[in-house]
Amino acid sequence: MKILHILKKPPDTNVIKLINVLMAPGDEAEFKPLFRGDINWERLVDDIFSYEKVICWW
């Protein structure tokens, strides 16, 4: 499964643990760190619709 993780702030240890728990063998993950500020918003919207699962971490 293709999973997109959208991160509003740098992940702490709890978020990293949860991400690892959610990943099943064979899953592909991509991370969009919004806190870096260099976001292509049009690309992000396209990615949201192209991934099978999207998780937003606040």
Protein backbone atom coordinates (compact mmCIF):
# COMPACT_ATOMS: atom_id res chain seq x y z
CA MET A 1 0.00 0.00 0.00
CA LYS A 2 1.21 3.50 -0.79
CA ILE A 3 1.02 5.75 2.29
CA LEU A 4 1.55 9.50 2.36
CA HIS A 5 2.52 11.02 5.72
CA ILE A 6 2.02 14.78 6.00
CA LEU A 7 4.02 16.21 8.89
CA LYS A 8 3.14 19.65 10.29
CA LYS A 9 6.11 19.65 12.69
CA PRO A 10 9.17 17.45 13.18
CA PRO A 11 8.05 14.04 14.46
CA ASP A 12 8.82 13.18 18.05
CA THR A 13 9.63 9.66 19.23
CA ASN A 14 5.95 8.78 19.75
CA VAL A 15 5.02 9.75 16.19
CA ILE A 16 7.97 7.79 14.82
CA LYS A 17 6.84 4.72 16.79
CA LEU A 18 3.27 5.08 15.51
CA ILE A 19 4.46 5.42 11.91
CA ASN A 20 6.47 2.23 12.30
CA VAL A 21 3.48 0.39 13.81
CA LEU A 22 1.25 1.45 10.91
CA MET A 23 3.66 0.17 8.29
CA ALA A 24 2.99 -3.33 7.04
CA PRO A 25 5.58 -5.37 5.14
CA GLY A 26 5.63 -4.23 1.53
CA ASP A 27 4.15 -0.79 2.22
CA GLU A 28 5.69 2.22 0.53
CA ALA A 29 5.78 5.49 2.45
CA GLU A 30 6.50 9.06 1.45
CA PHE A 31 6.81 11.96 3.86
CA LYS A 32 5.83 15.57 3.18
CA PRO A 33 7.36 17.76 5.92
CA LEU A 34 5.31 20.97 5.87
CA PHE A 35 7.53 22.48 8.57
CA ARG A 36 10.39 22.89 6.10
CA GLY A 37 8.42 25.50 4.19
CA ASP A 38 9.44 24.46 0.67
CA ILE A 39 6.12 22.85 -0.27
CA ASN A 40 4.77 22.66 -3.79
CA TRP A 41 1.09 22.87 -2.83
CA GLU A 42 -0.24 21.76 -6.21
CA ARG A 43 1.96 18.66 -6.07
CA LEU A 44 0.80 17.96 -2.51
CA VAL A 45 -2.85 18.01 -3.59
CA ASP A 46 -2.04 15.67 -6.49
CA ASP A 47 -0.21 13.34 -4.08
CA ILE A 48 -3.15 13.29 -1.66
CA PHE A 49 -5.36 11.92 -4.42
CA SER A 50 -2.81 9.47 -5.79
CA TYR A 51 -1.92 7.64 -2.55
CA GLU A 52 -4.05 4.86 -1.12
CA LYS A 53 -3.77 6.17 2.44
CA VAL A 54 -2.98 9.69 3.70
CA ILE A 55 -2.12 10.39 7.34
CA CYS A 56 -1.70 13.94 8.67
CA TRP A 57 0.45 14.31 11.77
CA TRP A 58 -0.23 17.45 13.81
